[in-house]
N, C-alpha and C. Protein backbone atom coordinates (compact mmCIF):
# COMPACT_ATOMS: atom_id res chain seq x y z
N GLN A 1 -17.38 74.02 -87.10
CA GLN A 1 -16.32 74.08 -87.25
C GLN A 1 -15.85 72.70 -88.14
N VAL A 2 -14.84 72.95 -88.63
CA VAL A 2 -14.27 72.61 -89.98
C VAL A 2 -13.59 72.49 -89.81
N GLN A 3 -13.62 70.65 -90.15
CA GLN A 3 -12.45 69.64 -89.58
C GLN A 3 -11.58 69.79 -91.27
N LEU A 4 -10.17 69.84 -91.20
CA LEU A 4 -9.59 69.21 -92.49
C LEU A 4 -8.67 68.23 -92.38
N VAL A 5 -8.42 67.12 -92.98
CA VAL A 5 -7.06 66.31 -92.83
C VAL A 5 -6.63 65.53 -94.36
N GLU A 6 -5.56 65.84 -93.71
CA GLU A 6 -4.40 66.13 -95.18
C GLU A 6 -4.17 63.96 -95.40
N SER A 7 -3.10 63.88 -96.45
CA SER A 7 -2.75 62.79 -96.54
C SER A 7 -1.81 63.44 -98.08
N GLY A 8 -0.60 61.83 -97.59
CA GLY A 8 0.19 62.29 -99.09
C GLY A 8 1.50 62.25 -98.74
N GLY A 9 2.24 62.57 -97.48
CA GLY A 9 3.61 63.02 -96.97
C GLY A 9 3.99 62.18 -97.29
N GLY A 10 5.51 62.41 -97.51
CA GLY A 10 6.17 60.73 -96.93
C GLY A 10 7.70 61.58 -97.85
N LEU A 11 8.41 60.20 -97.80
CA LEU A 11 10.31 60.49 -97.92
C LEU A 11 10.01 60.40 -99.80
N VAL A 12 11.29 61.32 -100.03
CA VAL A 12 10.89 60.78 -101.59
C VAL A 12 12.38 61.63 -101.46
N GLN A 13 13.13 61.07 -103.05
CA GLN A 13 14.42 61.39 -103.08
C GLN A 13 14.78 63.03 -104.04
N ALA A 14 15.24 63.87 -103.99
CA ALA A 14 15.23 65.36 -104.09
C ALA A 14 14.93 64.46 -105.97
N GLY A 15 13.99 65.82 -107.25
CA GLY A 15 13.80 65.68 -107.76
C GLY A 15 12.57 64.58 -108.77
N GLY A 16 12.00 64.16 -107.33
CA GLY A 16 10.80 63.32 -107.03
C GLY A 16 9.58 64.11 -106.92
N SER A 17 8.19 63.87 -106.91
CA SER A 17 7.14 64.01 -106.46
C SER A 17 6.08 63.52 -105.67
N LEU A 18 5.55 63.89 -105.22
CA LEU A 18 4.03 63.99 -104.19
C LEU A 18 3.15 64.58 -104.23
N ARG A 19 1.77 64.01 -103.67
CA ARG A 19 1.41 64.96 -104.23
C ARG A 19 0.10 65.18 -102.92
N LEU A 20 0.04 66.09 -102.61
CA LEU A 20 -0.74 66.33 -100.75
C LEU A 20 -1.96 66.00 -101.32
N SER A 21 -3.57 66.07 -100.01
CA SER A 21 -4.74 66.22 -100.54
C SER A 21 -5.10 66.18 -99.10
N CYS A 22 -6.21 67.35 -99.38
CA CYS A 22 -6.92 67.69 -97.50
C CYS A 22 -8.89 67.65 -98.28
N ALA A 23 -8.85 66.93 -97.38
CA ALA A 23 -10.47 67.36 -97.58
C ALA A 23 -10.71 67.79 -96.41
N ALA A 24 -12.04 68.73 -96.19
CA ALA A 24 -12.92 69.17 -94.92
C ALA A 24 -14.04 68.73 -95.00
N SER A 25 -14.50 68.64 -93.77
CA SER A 25 -15.71 68.45 -93.31
C SER A 25 -16.72 68.97 -92.50
N GLY A 26 -17.66 69.04 -91.94
CA GLY A 26 -18.27 69.77 -91.36
C GLY A 26 -19.71 70.25 -92.30
N SER A 27 -19.79 71.34 -91.28
CA SER A 27 -21.60 71.20 -92.16
C SER A 27 -21.90 72.76 -91.92
N ALA A 28 -23.10 72.76 -93.36
CA ALA A 28 -23.21 74.23 -93.40
C ALA A 28 -22.36 75.62 -93.37
N PHE A 29 -21.35 75.07 -94.24
CA PHE A 29 -19.31 76.07 -94.31
C PHE A 29 -19.90 75.76 -95.87
N SER A 30 -19.44 77.34 -96.14
CA SER A 30 -19.33 77.90 -97.57
C SER A 30 -17.14 77.46 -97.57
N ILE A 31 -16.79 77.46 -98.03
CA ILE A 31 -15.04 77.81 -98.69
C ILE A 31 -14.27 78.49 -99.42
N ASN A 32 -13.30 80.18 -98.61
CA ASN A 32 -13.50 80.94 -99.71
C ASN A 32 -12.44 80.36 -100.50
N THR A 33 -11.71 80.37 -99.69
CA THR A 33 -9.42 79.95 -99.66
C THR A 33 -9.21 78.94 -99.82
N MET A 34 -8.75 78.02 -100.51
CA MET A 34 -7.86 77.03 -99.20
C MET A 34 -6.48 76.91 -100.13
N GLY A 35 -5.27 76.88 -98.92
CA GLY A 35 -3.77 77.31 -99.72
C GLY A 35 -3.23 76.00 -98.98
N TRP A 36 -2.00 76.00 -98.63
CA TRP A 36 -0.77 75.22 -98.15
C TRP A 36 0.29 75.66 -97.57
N TYR A 37 0.21 75.48 -96.33
CA TYR A 37 1.70 76.40 -96.08
C TYR A 37 2.83 75.17 -95.50
N ARG A 38 4.23 75.42 -94.87
CA ARG A 38 4.67 74.46 -94.75
C ARG A 38 5.85 75.48 -93.64
N GLN A 39 6.65 74.46 -92.81
CA GLN A 39 7.53 75.01 -91.80
C GLN A 39 8.28 73.84 -90.94
N ALA A 40 9.33 74.23 -92.28
CA ALA A 40 10.71 73.82 -91.61
C ALA A 40 11.16 73.93 -90.18
N PRO A 41 12.45 73.03 -90.09
CA PRO A 41 12.67 73.26 -88.16
C PRO A 41 13.19 74.40 -88.50
N GLY A 42 13.09 75.53 -87.59
CA GLY A 42 13.71 76.96 -87.10
C GLY A 42 12.91 77.73 -88.46
N LYS A 43 11.93 77.81 -89.21
CA LYS A 43 11.74 78.36 -89.68
C LYS A 43 10.42 78.62 -89.33
N GLN A 44 9.85 79.85 -89.62
CA GLN A 44 8.78 80.70 -89.45
C GLN A 44 7.23 79.51 -90.79
N ARG A 45 5.79 79.66 -90.17
CA ARG A 45 5.65 79.36 -91.15
C ARG A 45 4.78 79.97 -92.75
N GLU A 46 5.40 79.43 -93.65
CA GLU A 46 5.41 80.03 -94.97
C GLU A 46 4.18 80.01 -95.80
N LEU A 47 3.59 80.46 -96.95
CA LEU A 47 2.89 79.92 -97.70
C LEU A 47 2.84 79.72 -98.36
N VAL A 48 2.12 78.33 -99.03
CA VAL A 48 3.29 78.13 -100.17
C VAL A 48 2.63 78.54 -102.01
N ALA A 49 1.42 77.35 -101.56
CA ALA A 49 0.18 78.10 -102.41
C ALA A 49 -1.20 78.32 -102.47
N ALA A 50 -2.17 78.97 -102.78
CA ALA A 50 -3.17 79.18 -102.20
C ALA A 50 -4.24 79.46 -103.59
N ILE A 51 -5.16 78.42 -103.31
CA ILE A 51 -6.26 78.92 -104.83
C ILE A 51 -8.30 79.51 -103.69
N THR A 52 -8.48 79.94 -104.96
CA THR A 52 -9.97 80.73 -104.36
C THR A 52 -10.87 79.93 -104.88
N GLY A 53 -12.51 80.03 -104.81
CA GLY A 53 -13.66 79.32 -105.49
C GLY A 53 -13.36 79.85 -106.90
N ALA A 54 -13.47 80.84 -107.22
CA ALA A 54 -12.85 80.82 -108.61
C ALA A 54 -11.54 80.05 -109.43
N GLY A 55 -10.92 79.94 -108.50
CA GLY A 55 -9.53 79.28 -109.46
C GLY A 55 -8.23 79.72 -109.05
N SER A 56 -8.11 81.35 -108.90
CA SER A 56 -7.07 81.81 -109.14
C SER A 56 -5.99 81.53 -108.14
N THR A 57 -5.32 81.26 -108.38
CA THR A 57 -4.12 80.25 -107.51
C THR A 57 -2.93 81.95 -107.80
N ASN A 58 -1.58 81.43 -106.82
CA ASN A 58 -1.07 81.99 -106.11
C ASN A 58 0.14 81.39 -105.20
N TYR A 59 1.48 81.55 -105.97
CA TYR A 59 2.56 80.52 -105.39
C TYR A 59 4.04 81.42 -104.71
N VAL A 60 4.39 81.30 -103.90
CA VAL A 60 5.69 81.63 -103.01
C VAL A 60 6.67 81.15 -104.41
N ASP A 61 7.19 81.99 -105.08
CA ASP A 61 7.79 82.28 -105.16
C ASP A 61 9.02 80.77 -106.07
N SER A 62 9.63 80.15 -104.75
CA SER A 62 10.65 79.24 -104.60
C SER A 62 9.98 77.81 -105.11
N VAL A 63 8.21 78.03 -105.19
CA VAL A 63 7.66 76.84 -105.89
C VAL A 63 6.83 76.86 -107.58
N LYS A 64 7.12 77.98 -107.85
CA LYS A 64 6.56 77.94 -109.05
C LYS A 64 6.90 77.86 -110.50
N GLY A 65 6.41 76.64 -111.01
CA GLY A 65 6.86 75.97 -112.28
C GLY A 65 6.74 74.88 -111.93
N ARG A 66 6.85 74.81 -109.89
CA ARG A 66 7.58 72.72 -109.60
C ARG A 66 5.95 72.56 -109.00
N PHE A 67 5.23 72.86 -107.98
CA PHE A 67 4.00 72.58 -107.38
C PHE A 67 2.79 73.07 -108.13
N THR A 68 1.98 72.54 -108.71
CA THR A 68 -0.18 73.00 -109.09
C THR A 68 -0.11 72.43 -107.65
N ILE A 69 -1.37 73.57 -107.48
CA ILE A 69 -2.40 73.86 -106.49
C ILE A 69 -3.83 73.32 -107.58
N SER A 70 -4.45 72.76 -106.60
CA SER A 70 -5.98 72.21 -107.64
C SER A 70 -7.24 71.78 -106.47
N ARG A 71 -8.47 72.51 -106.81
CA ARG A 71 -9.08 71.92 -105.69
C ARG A 71 -10.13 71.76 -106.82
N ASP A 72 -11.66 71.18 -105.63
CA ASP A 72 -12.93 70.53 -106.25
C ASP A 72 -13.94 70.92 -105.62
N ASN A 73 -14.66 72.02 -105.63
CA ASN A 73 -14.95 72.86 -104.70
C ASN A 73 -16.05 71.46 -104.09
N ALA A 74 -16.66 70.89 -105.52
CA ALA A 74 -17.96 70.11 -105.22
C ALA A 74 -17.19 69.28 -103.91
N LYS A 75 -16.36 68.80 -103.48
CA LYS A 75 -15.76 67.29 -102.44
C LYS A 75 -15.23 68.04 -101.22
N ASN A 76 -15.18 69.71 -101.30
CA ASN A 76 -14.35 70.23 -100.69
C ASN A 76 -12.99 70.10 -100.61
N THR A 77 -12.03 69.29 -101.08
CA THR A 77 -10.73 69.36 -101.42
C THR A 77 -9.86 70.08 -102.05
N VAL A 78 -9.09 69.55 -101.66
CA VAL A 78 -7.24 70.56 -102.21
C VAL A 78 -6.59 70.17 -102.29
N HIS A 79 -5.49 70.18 -103.78
CA HIS A 79 -4.03 68.87 -103.92
C HIS A 79 -3.30 69.37 -104.21
N LEU A 80 -2.17 69.08 -103.72
CA LEU A 80 -0.86 70.33 -104.37
C LEU A 80 -0.25 69.08 -105.57
N GLN A 81 0.16 68.96 -106.12
CA GLN A 81 1.09 68.18 -107.00
C GLN A 81 2.30 68.96 -106.37
N MET A 82 3.50 68.72 -106.22
CA MET A 82 4.63 68.33 -106.35
C MET A 82 5.80 68.29 -107.32
N ASN A 83 5.73 68.41 -107.83
CA ASN A 83 7.39 67.77 -108.88
C ASN A 83 8.52 69.00 -109.07
N SER A 84 9.50 67.62 -109.06
CA SER A 84 10.65 68.33 -109.65
C SER A 84 11.40 68.63 -107.67
N LEU A 85 11.14 68.24 -106.92
CA LEU A 85 10.89 68.22 -105.31
C LEU A 85 12.88 68.48 -105.16
N LYS A 86 13.33 69.50 -103.98
CA LYS A 86 14.92 69.66 -103.57
C LYS A 86 14.71 69.41 -102.47
N PRO A 87 15.67 69.59 -102.09
CA PRO A 87 15.91 69.22 -100.19
C PRO A 87 15.31 70.47 -99.17
N GLU A 88 15.14 71.65 -99.83
CA GLU A 88 14.36 72.68 -99.20
C GLU A 88 13.28 72.82 -99.08
N ASP A 89 12.94 71.98 -99.84
CA ASP A 89 11.12 71.45 -99.46
C ASP A 89 11.03 70.94 -98.50
N THR A 90 11.83 70.57 -97.43
CA THR A 90 11.80 69.07 -96.98
C THR A 90 11.13 70.26 -96.09
N ALA A 91 9.76 69.64 -95.57
CA ALA A 91 9.01 70.54 -93.89
C ALA A 91 7.95 70.04 -93.96
N VAL A 92 7.07 70.10 -92.88
CA VAL A 92 5.46 70.17 -92.33
C VAL A 92 4.92 70.56 -93.06
N TYR A 93 3.57 70.55 -93.76
CA TYR A 93 3.09 71.21 -94.85
C TYR A 93 1.44 70.76 -94.19
N TYR A 94 1.20 71.89 -94.07
CA TYR A 94 -0.06 72.44 -93.05
C TYR A 94 -0.96 72.91 -94.76
N CYS A 95 -2.55 72.01 -94.22
CA CYS A 95 -3.23 72.82 -95.28
C CYS A 95 -4.48 73.79 -94.34
N ASN A 96 -4.95 74.94 -94.90
CA ASN A 96 -5.47 75.79 -94.60
C ASN A 96 -6.95 76.17 -95.36
N ALA A 97 -8.17 76.69 -94.85
CA ALA A 97 -9.17 77.18 -95.26
C ALA A 97 -9.78 77.62 -94.25
N GLN A 98 -10.32 78.77 -95.47
CA GLN A 98 -10.96 80.12 -94.76
C GLN A 98 -12.40 80.01 -95.68
N GLY A 99 -13.49 80.79 -94.99
CA GLY A 99 -14.84 80.77 -94.84
C GLY A 99 -15.53 80.90 -93.30
N SER A 100 -17.23 80.79 -94.01
CA SER A 100 -17.62 81.06 -92.93
C SER A 100 -18.79 79.89 -93.32
N VAL A 101 -18.83 79.89 -91.79
CA VAL A 101 -20.49 79.09 -91.53
C VAL A 101 -21.84 79.42 -91.14
N ARG A 102 -22.78 78.24 -91.62
CA ARG A 102 -24.01 79.17 -91.32
C ARG A 102 -24.55 79.15 -89.83
N LEU A 103 -25.02 79.96 -88.89
CA LEU A 103 -25.76 79.48 -88.11
C LEU A 103 -26.68 79.79 -88.54
N THR A 104 -27.32 79.97 -87.24
CA THR A 104 -29.02 79.98 -87.40
C THR A 104 -29.82 81.15 -87.78
N LEU A 105 -28.60 82.42 -86.79
CA LEU A 105 -29.38 83.64 -87.86
C LEU A 105 -28.14 84.27 -88.51
N SER A 106 -27.24 83.57 -88.56
CA SER A 106 -25.82 84.72 -88.86
C SER A 106 -24.62 83.97 -89.44
N LEU A 107 -23.93 84.04 -90.29
CA LEU A 107 -22.70 83.95 -90.20
C LEU A 107 -21.34 83.99 -89.48
N ARG A 108 -20.31 82.68 -89.76
CA ARG A 108 -19.75 83.05 -88.62
C ARG A 108 -17.97 82.89 -89.36
N ASP A 109 -17.20 83.61 -89.46
CA ASP A 109 -15.85 83.16 -90.21
C ASP A 109 -15.24 81.78 -89.65
N PHE A 110 -14.51 82.01 -90.18
CA PHE A 110 -13.83 80.39 -89.22
C PHE A 110 -12.58 80.36 -90.08
N ASN A 111 -11.34 80.01 -89.85
CA ASN A 111 -9.95 79.76 -90.27
C ASN A 111 -9.32 78.06 -89.51
N SER A 112 -9.88 77.41 -90.44
CA SER A 112 -8.99 76.21 -90.25
C SER A 112 -7.76 75.31 -90.82
N TRP A 113 -6.74 74.66 -90.29
CA TRP A 113 -5.86 73.85 -90.00
C TRP A 113 -5.97 72.85 -89.80
N GLY A 114 -5.11 71.78 -91.02
CA GLY A 114 -5.42 70.73 -90.85
C GLY A 114 -3.85 70.08 -89.69
N GLN A 115 -3.72 69.35 -89.60
CA GLN A 115 -2.98 68.50 -88.36
C GLN A 115 -1.15 68.47 -89.13
N GLY A 116 -1.34 68.75 -90.48
CA GLY A 116 0.37 68.95 -90.81
C GLY A 116 0.76 67.05 -91.45
N THR A 117 1.68 66.94 -92.56
CA THR A 117 1.67 66.46 -92.97
C THR A 117 3.40 66.10 -93.48
N GLN A 118 4.16 65.35 -93.08
CA GLN A 118 5.87 65.34 -93.10
C GLN A 118 5.79 65.36 -93.99
N VAL A 119 6.96 65.92 -94.87
CA VAL A 119 7.93 65.81 -96.39
C VAL A 119 8.60 66.25 -96.37
N THR A 120 9.48 64.82 -96.44
CA THR A 120 11.04 64.95 -96.58
C THR A 120 11.58 64.58 -98.04
N VAL A 121 12.86 65.74 -98.49
CA VAL A 121 13.53 65.00 -99.84
C VAL A 121 14.75 64.88 -99.48
N SER A 122 15.03 63.47 -99.93
CA SER A 122 16.36 63.32 -99.44
C SER A 122 17.73 63.99 -101.02
N SER A 123 19.15 64.04 -100.33
CA SER A 123 19.99 64.63 -101.71
C SER A 123 20.69 63.04 -101.65
């Protein structure tokens, strides 16, 4: 089992910045992709940004140029630096990690989620 713990959400004015962090813990695991999703009230959860172990990134169009995802493979952490925030960025942000856990004789894939952290951007 791989657990994810997020931090860094809060309330900020439009144009401001926030930095989200997520740390993975567990045993005998390796992570392939880490990412951030968000879900606003009445909307579906959407991928905001993702990063592979090799450092390849992708972003939803609405955050390109404003958000930056980064990762520390040694510490199993992922961060999302959010600049020039807009009211439409208001949502609960969820950390996600996908990888595998080493069992006695095999590997088992996992897809873990954090508990979510609220980001509110006021106009």
